[in-house]
PDB file of N, CA and C in Angstrom:
ATOM      1  N   MET A   1      -8.429   5.362   9.992  1.00  0.00           N
ATOM      2  CA  MET A   1      -8.839   4.352   9.225  1.00  0.00           C
ATOM      3  C   MET A   1     -10.105   3.739   9.948  1.00  0.00           C
ATOM      4  N   SER A   2     -11.082   3.430   9.240  1.00  0.00           N
ATOM      5  CA  SER A   2     -12.353   2.853   9.712  1.00  0.00           C
ATOM      6  C   SER A   2     -12.538   1.561   8.828  1.00  0.00           C
ATOM      7  N   ILE A   3     -12.906   0.481   9.416  1.00  0.00           N
ATOM      8  CA  ILE A   3     -13.052  -0.792   8.888  1.00  0.00           C
ATOM      9  C   ILE A   3     -14.483  -1.176   9.080  1.00  0.00           C
ATOM     10  N   PHE A   4     -15.308  -1.482   7.938  1.00  0.00           N
ATOM     11  CA  PHE A   4     -16.697  -1.760   8.142  1.00  0.00           C
ATOM     12  C   PHE A   4     -16.994  -3.247   7.541  1.00  0.00           C
ATOM     13  N   ASN A   5     -17.800  -3.893   8.467  1.00  0.00           N
ATOM     14  CA  ASN A   5     -18.287  -5.297   8.103  1.00  0.00           C
ATOM     15  C   ASN A   5     -19.536  -5.368   8.831  1.00  0.00           C
ATOM     16  N   ASN A   6     -20.705  -5.022   8.081  1.00  0.00           N
ATOM     17  CA  ASN A   6     -21.998  -4.957   8.789  1.00  0.00           C
ATOM     18  C   ASN A   6     -21.965  -4.028   9.979  1.00  0.00           C
ATOM     19  N   GLY A   7     -21.511  -2.877   9.825  1.00  0.00           N
ATOM     20  CA  GLY A   7     -21.406  -1.964  10.886  1.00  0.00           C
ATOM     21  C   GLY A   7     -19.916  -1.708  11.243  1.00  0.00           C
ATOM     22  N   ARG A   8     -19.617  -0.874  12.070  1.00  0.00           N
ATOM     23  CA  ARG A   8     -18.223  -0.536  12.341  1.00  0.00           C
ATOM     24  C   ARG A   8     -17.542  -1.525  13.084  1.00  0.00           C
ATOM     25  N   PHE A   9     -16.455  -2.072  12.614  1.00  0.00           N
ATOM     26  CA  PHE A   9     -15.560  -3.198  13.360  1.00  0.00           C
ATOM     27  C   PHE A   9     -14.537  -2.491  14.008  1.00  0.00           C
ATOM     28  N   ALA A  10     -13.713  -1.538  13.473  1.00  0.00           N
ATOM     29  CA  ALA A  10     -12.566  -1.028  14.093  1.00  0.00           C
ATOM     30  C   ALA A  10     -12.441   0.484  13.610  1.00  0.00           C
ATOM     31  N   LYS A  11     -11.919   1.284  14.382  1.00  0.00           N
ATOM     32  CA  LYS A  11     -11.603   2.635  13.915  1.00  0.00           C
ATOM     33  C   LYS A  11     -10.334   3.136  14.709  1.00  0.00           C
ATOM     34  N   GLY A  12      -9.352   3.705  13.946  1.00  0.00           N
ATOM     35  CA  GLY A  12      -8.114   4.184  14.524  1.00  0.00           C
ATOM     36  C   GLY A  12      -6.980   4.016  13.622  1.00  0.00           C
ATOM     37  N   ALA A  13      -5.916   4.384  14.119  1.00  0.00           N
ATOM     38  CA  ALA A  13      -4.713   4.111  13.306  1.00  0.00           C
ATOM     39  C   ALA A  13      -4.414   2.590  13.054  1.00  0.00           C
ATOM     40  N   TYR A  14      -3.827   2.247  11.911  1.00  0.00           N
ATOM     41  CA  TYR A  14      -3.451   0.964  11.688  1.00  0.00           C
ATOM     42  C   TYR A  14      -2.787   0.174  12.663  1.00  0.00           C
ATOM     43  N   LYS A  15      -1.720   0.880  13.261  1.00  0.00           N
ATOM     44  CA  LYS A  15      -0.843   0.327  14.208  1.00  0.00           C
ATOM     45  C   LYS A  15      -1.572  -0.055  15.380  1.00  0.00           C
ATOM     46  N   ASP A  16      -2.650   0.698  15.747  1.00  0.00           N
ATOM     47  CA  ASP A  16      -3.534   0.493  17.010  1.00  0.00           C
ATOM     48  C   ASP A  16      -4.543  -0.543  16.848  1.00  0.00           C
ATOM     49  N   ILE A  17      -5.028  -0.820  15.664  1.00  0.00           N
ATOM     50  CA  ILE A  17      -6.047  -1.815  15.426  1.00  0.00           C
ATOM     51  C   ILE A  17      -5.439  -3.058  14.682  1.00  0.00           C
ATOM     52  N   LYS A  18      -4.159  -3.077  14.329  1.00  0.00           N
ATOM     53  CA  LYS A  18      -3.706  -4.252  13.592  1.00  0.00           C
ATOM     54  C   LYS A  18      -3.955  -5.515  14.282  1.00  0.00           C
ATOM     55  N   ALA A  19      -3.844  -5.806  15.605  1.00  0.00           N
ATOM     56  CA  ALA A  19      -4.060  -7.093  16.253  1.00  0.00           C
ATOM     57  C   ALA A  19      -5.561  -7.373  16.037  1.00  0.00           C
ATOM     58  N   ASP A  20      -6.543  -6.578  16.106  1.00  0.00           N
ATOM     59  CA  ASP A  20      -7.856  -6.892  15.980  1.00  0.00           C
ATOM     60  C   ASP A  20      -8.283  -7.242  14.584  1.00  0.00           C
ATOM     61  N   LEU A  21      -7.696  -6.600  13.579  1.00  0.00           N
ATOM     62  CA  LEU A  21      -7.892  -6.981  12.270  1.00  0.00           C
ATOM     63  C   LEU A  21      -7.316  -8.308  11.796  1.00  0.00           C
ATOM     64  N   SER A  22      -6.080  -8.582  12.347  1.00  0.00           N
ATOM     65  CA  SER A  22      -5.455  -9.872  12.074  1.00  0.00           C
ATOM     66  C   SER A  22      -6.286 -11.068  12.680  1.00  0.00           C
ATOM     67  N   THR A  23      -6.804 -10.731  13.911  1.00  0.00           N
ATOM     68  CA  THR A  23      -7.662 -11.774  14.537  1.00  0.00           C
ATOM     69  C   THR A  23      -8.890 -12.141  13.767  1.00  0.00           C
ATOM     70  N   ALA A  24      -9.384 -11.101  13.118  1.00  0.00           N
ATOM     71  CA  ALA A  24     -10.647 -11.239  12.404  1.00  0.00           C
ATOM     72  C   ALA A  24     -10.387 -11.704  10.908  1.00  0.00           C
ATOM     73  N   GLY A  25      -9.063 -11.860  10.547  1.00  0.00           N
ATOM     74  CA  GLY A  25      -8.720 -12.325   9.246  1.00  0.00           C
ATOM     75  C   GLY A  25      -8.611 -11.228   8.147  1.00  0.00           C
ATOM     76  N   ALA A  26      -8.687 -10.058   8.630  1.00  0.00           N
ATOM     77  CA  ALA A  26      -8.707  -8.965   7.727  1.00  0.00           C
ATOM     78  C   ALA A  26      -7.282  -8.681   7.028  1.00  0.00           C
ATOM     79  N   LYS A  27      -7.149  -8.101   5.823  1.00  0.00           N
ATOM     80  CA  LYS A  27      -5.865  -7.823   5.375  1.00  0.00           C
ATOM     81  C   LYS A  27      -5.978  -6.353   4.809  1.00  0.00           C
ATOM     82  N   LEU A  28      -4.813  -5.634   4.934  1.00  0.00           N
ATOM     83  CA  LEU A  28      -4.774  -4.286   4.589  1.00  0.00           C
ATOM     84  C   LEU A  28      -4.281  -4.287   3.145  1.00  0.00           C
ATOM     85  N   HIS A  29      -5.096  -3.542   2.269  1.00  0.00           N
ATOM     86  CA  HIS A  29      -4.728  -3.169   0.881  1.00  0.00           C
ATOM     87  C   HIS A  29      -4.894  -1.678   0.814  1.00  0.00           C
ATOM     88  N   ILE A  30      -3.978  -0.918   0.110  1.00  0.00           N
ATOM     89  CA  ILE A  30      -4.133   0.481  -0.212  1.00  0.00           C
ATOM     90  C   ILE A  30      -4.259   0.771  -1.638  1.00  0.00           C
ATOM     91  N   ALA A  31      -4.935   1.688  -1.975  1.00  0.00           N
ATOM     92  CA  ALA A  31      -5.066   2.204  -3.358  1.00  0.00           C
ATOM     93  C   ALA A  31      -4.110   3.414  -3.519  1.00  0.00           C
ATOM     94  N   LEU A  32      -3.337   3.553  -4.463  1.00  0.00           N
ATOM     95  CA  LEU A  32      -2.389   4.575  -4.675  1.00  0.00           C
ATOM     96  C   LEU A  32      -2.579   5.064  -5.997  1.00  0.00           C
ATOM     97  N   THR A  33      -2.933   6.319  -6.302  1.00  0.00           N
ATOM     98  CA  THR A  33      -3.093   6.834  -7.637  1.00  0.00           C
ATOM     99  C   THR A  33      -1.836   7.782  -7.866  1.00  0.00           C
ATOM    100  N   VAL A  34      -1.231   7.589  -9.016  1.00  0.00           N
ATOM    101  CA  VAL A  34      -0.090   8.441  -9.405  1.00  0.00           C
ATOM    102  C   VAL A  34      -0.255   9.085 -10.786  1.00  0.00           C
ATOM    103  N   LEU A  35       0.548  10.022 -11.197  1.00  0.00           N
ATOM    104  CA  LEU A  35       0.568  10.698 -12.381  1.00  0.00           C
ATOM    105  C   LEU A  35       1.923  10.391 -12.991  1.00  0.00           C
ATOM    106  N   HIS A  36       2.074   9.625 -14.056  1.00  0.00           N
ATOM    107  CA  HIS A  36       3.318   9.211 -14.653  1.00  0.00           C
ATOM    108  C   HIS A  36       3.341   9.417 -16.029  1.00  0.00           C
ATOM    109  N   LYS A  37       4.152  10.375 -16.384  1.00  0.00           N
ATOM    110  CA  LYS A  37       4.269  10.834 -17.844  1.00  0.00           C
ATOM    111  C   LYS A  37       2.905  11.234 -18.361  1.00  0.00           C
ATOM    112  N   GLY A  38       2.178  11.977 -17.640  1.00  0.00           N
ATOM    113  CA  GLY A  38       0.861  12.468 -18.112  1.00  0.00           C
ATOM    114  C   GLY A  38      -0.284  11.509 -18.033  1.00  0.00           C
ATOM    115  N   GLU A  39      -0.038  10.272 -17.580  1.00  0.00           N
ATOM    116  CA  GLU A  39      -1.071   9.277 -17.476  1.00  0.00           C
ATOM    117  C   GLU A  39      -1.325   8.916 -15.960  1.00  0.00           C
ATOM    118  N   VAL A  40      -2.629   8.799 -15.706  1.00  0.00           N
ATOM    119  CA  VAL A  40      -2.991   8.555 -14.382  1.00  0.00           C
ATOM    120  C   VAL A  40      -2.948   6.941 -14.207  1.00  0.00           C
ATOM    121  N   ILE A  41      -2.152   6.414 -13.191  1.00  0.00           N
ATOM    122  CA  ILE A  41      -2.137   5.060 -12.895  1.00  0.00           C
ATOM    123  C   ILE A  41      -2.481   4.796 -11.580  1.00  0.00           C
ATOM    124  N   GLN A  42      -3.352   3.764 -11.267  1.00  0.00           N
ATOM    125  CA  GLN A  42      -3.693   3.323 -10.003  1.00  0.00           C
ATOM    126  C   GLN A  42      -3.191   2.039  -9.557  1.00  0.00           C
ATOM    127  N   PHE A  43      -2.553   1.992  -8.503  1.00  0.00           N
ATOM    128  CA  PHE A  43      -1.982   0.734  -7.930  1.00  0.00           C
ATOM    129  C   PHE A  43      -2.760   0.385  -6.705  1.00  0.00           C
ATOM    130  N   PHE A  44      -2.941  -0.966  -6.607  1.00  0.00           N
ATOM    131  CA  PHE A  44      -3.596  -1.532  -5.370  1.00  0.00           C
ATOM    132  C   PHE A  44      -2.496  -2.393  -4.667  1.00  0.00           C
ATOM    133  N   LEU A  45      -2.039  -1.907  -3.642  1.00  0.00           N
ATOM    134  CA  LEU A  45      -0.831  -2.427  -2.976  1.00  0.00           C
ATOM    135  C   LEU A  45      -1.296  -3.356  -1.819  1.00  0.00           C
ATOM    136  N   LYS A  46      -0.678  -4.479  -1.759  1.00  0.00           N
ATOM    137  CA  LYS A  46      -0.788  -5.391  -0.586  1.00  0.00           C
ATOM    138  C   LYS A  46       0.514  -6.204  -0.564  1.00  0.00           C
ATOM    139  N   GLY A  47       0.765  -6.888   0.703  1.00  0.00           N
ATOM    140  CA  GLY A  47       1.939  -7.749   0.795  1.00  0.00           C
ATOM    141  C   GLY A  47       3.193  -6.892   0.677  1.00  0.00           C
ATOM    142  N   LYS A  48       4.116  -7.475  -0.122  1.00  0.00           N
ATOM    143  CA  LYS A  48       5.402  -6.983  -0.214  1.00  0.00           C
ATOM    144  C   LYS A  48       5.308  -5.574  -0.910  1.00  0.00           C
ATOM    145  N   ALA A  49       4.559  -5.359  -1.837  1.00  0.00           N
ATOM    146  CA  ALA A  49       4.359  -3.960  -2.514  1.00  0.00           C
ATOM    147  C   ALA A  49       3.969  -2.996  -1.404  1.00  0.00           C
ATOM    148  N   TYR A  50       2.999  -3.291  -0.582  1.00  0.00           N
ATOM    149  CA  TYR A  50       2.628  -2.379   0.560  1.00  0.00           C
ATOM    150  C   TYR A  50       3.737  -2.141   1.492  1.00  0.00           C
ATOM    151  N   TYR A  51       4.431  -3.199   1.938  1.00  0.00           N
ATOM    152  CA  TYR A  51       5.570  -3.088   2.705  1.00  0.00           C
ATOM    153  C   TYR A  51       6.648  -2.186   2.209  1.00  0.00           C
ATOM    154  N   ASN A  52       7.092  -2.361   0.948  1.00  0.00           N
ATOM    155  CA  ASN A  52       8.167  -1.519   0.397  1.00  0.00           C
ATOM    156  C   ASN A  52       7.672  -0.064   0.342  1.00  0.00           C
ATOM    157  N   PHE A  53       6.472   0.189  -0.067  1.00  0.00           N
ATOM    158  CA  PHE A  53       5.893   1.549  -0.113  1.00  0.00           C
ATOM    159  C   PHE A  53       5.865   2.240   1.204  1.00  0.00           C
ATOM    160  N   SER A  54       5.365   1.395   2.285  1.00  0.00           N
ATOM    161  CA  SER A  54       5.312   1.999   3.562  1.00  0.00           C
ATOM    162  C   SER A  54       6.735   2.296   4.206  1.00  0.00           C
ATOM    163  N   GLU A  55       7.817   1.509   3.876  1.00  0.00           N
ATOM    164  CA  GLU A  55       9.058   1.773   4.261  1.00  0.00           C
ATOM    165  C   GLU A  55       9.563   3.048   3.540  1.00  0.00           C
ATOM    166  N   LEU A  56       9.240   3.221   2.278  1.00  0.00           N
ATOM    167  CA  LEU A  56       9.584   4.539   1.543  1.00  0.00           C
ATOM    168  C   LEU A  56       8.812   5.739   2.218  1.00  0.00           C
ATOM    169  N   MET A  57       7.670   5.599   2.716  1.00  0.00           N
ATOM    170  CA  MET A  57       6.951   6.621   3.223  1.00  0.00           C
ATOM    171  C   MET A  57       7.546   7.063   4.634  1.00  0.00           C
ATOM    172  N   LYS A  58       8.153   6.211   5.297  1.00  0.00           N
ATOM    173  CA  LYS A  58       8.906   6.540   6.607  1.00  0.00           C
ATOM    174  C   LYS A  58      10.023   7.558   6.322  1.00  0.00           C
ATOM    175  N   LYS A  59      10.656   7.517   5.204  1.00  0.00           N
ATOM    176  CA  LYS A  59      11.708   8.255   4.751  1.00  0.00           C
ATOM    177  C   LYS A  59      11.290   9.760   4.222  1.00  0.00           C
ATOM    178  N   LEU A  60       9.933   9.823   3.914  1.00  0.00           N
ATOM    179  CA  LEU A  60       9.426  10.958   3.242  1.00  0.00           C
ATOM    180  C   LEU A  60       9.059  12.127   4.117  1.00  0.00           C
ATOM    181  N   ASP A  61       9.656  13.313   3.738  1.00  0.00           N
ATOM    182  CA  ASP A  61       9.360  14.613   4.357  1.00  0.00           C
ATOM    183  C   ASP A  61       8.161  15.131   3.448  1.00  0.00           C
ATOM    184  N   GLN A  62       6.944  14.990   3.981  1.00  0.00           N
ATOM    185  CA  GLN A  62       5.692  15.242   3.189  1.00  0.00           C
ATOM    186  C   GLN A  62       5.660  16.664   2.663  1.00  0.00           C
ATOM    187  N   THR A  63       6.430  17.538   3.329  1.00  0.00           N
ATOM    188  CA  THR A  63       6.308  19.014   2.990  1.00  0.00           C
ATOM    189  C   THR A  63       7.418  19.294   1.972  1.00  0.00           C
ATOM    190  N   GLN A  64       8.362  18.528   1.728  1.00  0.00           N
ATOM    191  CA  GLN A  64       9.369  18.742   0.857  1.00  0.00           C
ATOM    192  C   GLN A  64       9.541  17.709  -0.387  1.00  0.00           C
ATOM    193  N   ASN A  65       9.307  16.532  -0.163  1.00  0.00           N
ATOM    194  CA  ASN A  65       9.593  15.562  -1.141  1.00  0.00           C
ATOM    195  C   ASN A  65       8.424  15.090  -1.878  1.00  0.00           C
ATOM    196  N   LYS A  66       8.795  14.535  -3.063  1.00  0.00           N
ATOM    197  CA  LYS A  66       7.740  13.867  -4.004  1.00  0.00           C
ATOM    198  C   LYS A  66       8.105  12.480  -4.167  1.00  0.00           C
ATOM    199  N   ILE A  67       7.155  11.674  -4.341  1.00  0.00           N
ATOM    200  CA  ILE A  67       7.478  10.251  -4.643  1.00  0.00           C
ATOM    201  C   ILE A  67       7.493   9.939  -6.107  1.00  0.00           C
ATOM    202  N   LYS A  68       8.510   9.409  -6.724  1.00  0.00           N
ATOM    203  CA  LYS A  68       8.570   9.143  -8.110  1.00  0.00           C
ATOM    204  C   LYS A  68       8.358   7.655  -8.381  1.00  0.00           C
ATOM    205  N   TYR A  69       7.479   7.436  -9.416  1.00  0.00           N
ATOM    206  CA  TYR A  69       7.254   5.901  -9.792  1.00  0.00           C
ATOM    207  C   TYR A  69       8.343   5.713 -10.885  1.00  0.00           C
ATOM    208  N   ILE A  70       9.048   4.577 -10.596  1.00  0.00           N
ATOM    209  CA  ILE A  70      10.184   4.208 -11.495  1.00  0.00           C
ATOM    210  C   ILE A  70       9.742   3.171 -12.569  1.00  0.00           C
ATOM    211  N   GLU A  71       9.197   2.007 -12.147  1.00  0.00           N
ATOM    212  CA  GLU A  71       8.837   0.944 -13.030  1.00  0.00           C
ATOM    213  C   GLU A  71       8.000  -0.141 -12.295  1.00  0.00           C
ATOM    214  N   SER A  72       7.573  -1.177 -12.927  1.00  0.00           N
ATOM    215  CA  SER A  72       6.943  -2.179 -12.322  1.00  0.00           C
ATOM    216  C   SER A  72       7.658  -3.416 -12.863  1.00  0.00           C
ATOM    217  N   VAL A  73       8.031  -4.303 -11.858  1.00  0.00           N
ATOM    218  CA  VAL A  73       8.726  -5.512 -12.283  1.00  0.00           C
ATOM    219  C   VAL A  73       7.938  -6.687 -12.058  1.00  0.00           C
ATOM    220  N   LEU A  74       7.983  -7.648 -13.003  1.00  0.00           N
ATOM    221  CA  LEU A  74       7.317  -8.788 -12.895  1.00  0.00           C
ATOM    222  C   LEU A  74       7.931  -9.847 -12.027  1.00  0.00           C
ATOM    223  N   MET A  75       7.076 -10.292 -10.995  1.00  0.00           N
ATOM    224  CA  MET A  75       7.745 -11.086  -9.948  1.00  0.00           C
ATOM    225  C   MET A  75       6.859 -12.434  -9.978  1.00  0.00           C
ATOM    226  N   THR A  76       7.175 -13.426  -9.134  1.00  0.00           N
ATOM    227  CA  THR A  76       6.506 -14.748  -9.092  1.00  0.00           C
ATOM    228  C   THR A  76       6.550 -15.162  -7.615  1.00  0.00           C
ATOM    229  N   ASP A  77       5.477 -15.407  -7.065  1.00  0.00           N
ATOM    230  CA  ASP A  77       5.328 -15.991  -5.709  1.00  0.00           C
ATOM    231  C   ASP A  77       4.564 -17.325  -5.905  1.00  0.00           C
ATOM    232  N   ALA A  78       5.389 -18.446  -5.509  1.00  0.00           N
ATOM    233  CA  ALA A  78       4.753 -19.767  -5.923  1.00  0.00           C
ATOM    234  C   ALA A  78       4.444 -19.789  -7.374  1.00  0.00           C
ATOM    235  N   ALA A  79       3.217 -20.066  -7.619  1.00  0.00           N
ATOM    236  CA  ALA A  79       2.846 -20.174  -9.073  1.00  0.00           C
ATOM    237  C   ALA A  79       2.127 -18.895  -9.554  1.00  0.00           C
ATOM    238  N   SER A  80       2.074 -17.852  -8.725  1.00  0.00           N
ATOM    239  CA  SER A  80       1.218 -16.610  -9.040  1.00  0.00           C
ATOM    240  C   SER A  80       2.153 -15.534  -9.509  1.00  0.00           C
ATOM    241  N   PRO A  81       2.091 -15.058 -10.614  1.00  0.00           N
ATOM    242  CA  PRO A  81       2.844 -13.951 -11.056  1.00  0.00           C
ATOM    243  C   PRO A  81       2.299 -12.652 -10.581  1.00  0.00           C
ATOM    244  N   TYR A  82       3.031 -11.707 -10.325  1.00  0.00           N
ATOM    245  CA  TYR A  82       2.411 -10.242  -9.940  1.00  0.00           C
ATOM    246  C   TYR A  82       3.530  -9.252 -10.330  1.00  0.00           C
ATOM    247  N   ARG A  83       2.972  -7.875 -10.348  1.00  0.00           N
ATOM    248  CA  ARG A  83       3.880  -6.852 -10.621  1.00  0.00           C
ATOM    249  C   ARG A  83       4.182  -6.076  -9.379  1.00  0.00           C
ATOM    250  N   LEU A  84       5.439  -5.766  -9.146  1.00  0.00           N
ATOM    251  CA  LEU A  84       5.887  -5.024  -7.905  1.00  0.00           C
ATOM    252  C   LEU A  84       6.346  -3.799  -8.412  1.00  0.00           C
ATOM    253  N   PRO A  85       5.469  -2.644  -8.044  1.00  0.00           N
ATOM    254  CA  PRO A  85       6.087  -1.295  -8.446  1.00  0.00           C
ATOM    255  C   PRO A  85       7.189  -0.860  -7.724  1.00  0.00           C
ATOM    256  N   SER A  86       7.985  -0.065  -8.350  1.00  0.00           N
ATOM    257  CA  SER A  86       9.219   0.650  -7.693  1.00  0.00           C
ATOM    258  C   SER A  86       9.109   2.109  -7.620  1.00  0.00           C
ATOM    259  N   PHE A  87       9.349   2.659  -6.499  1.00  0.00           N
ATOM    260  CA  PHE A  87       9.240   4.047  -6.305  1.00  0.00           C
ATOM    261  C   PHE A  87      10.576   4.649  -5.601  1.00  0.00           C
ATOM    262  N   GLU A  88      10.829   5.879  -5.806  1.00  0.00           N
ATOM    263  CA  GLU A  88      11.931   6.436  -5.011  1.00  0.00           C
ATOM    264  C   GLU A  88      11.478   8.055  -4.699  1.00  0.00           C
ATOM    265  N   ILE A  89      12.191   8.515  -3.700  1.00  0.00           N
ATOM    266  CA  ILE A  89      12.030   9.793  -3.366  1.00  0.00           C
ATOM    267  C   ILE A  89      12.745  10.746  -4.162  1.00  0.00           C
TER     268      ILE A  89
END
């Protein structure tokens, strides 16, 4: 992972540069592209959605398993509605 802000700020695995990013006020978002029923869908994950997906990835044997998109559930955080995608192996 490389983070740029007017030049290189940090480079390395997220777990190694997390403290530097947090100190700088940076937040991690990931883009995930999936094929669901013949349609390409792109998710931009952050917060709880990113956490849930990263926990699923820990269980994944990348040589054997595939991730299946199940649905997207409407959630509310304070006054802001958002959709939380659901995946399974």
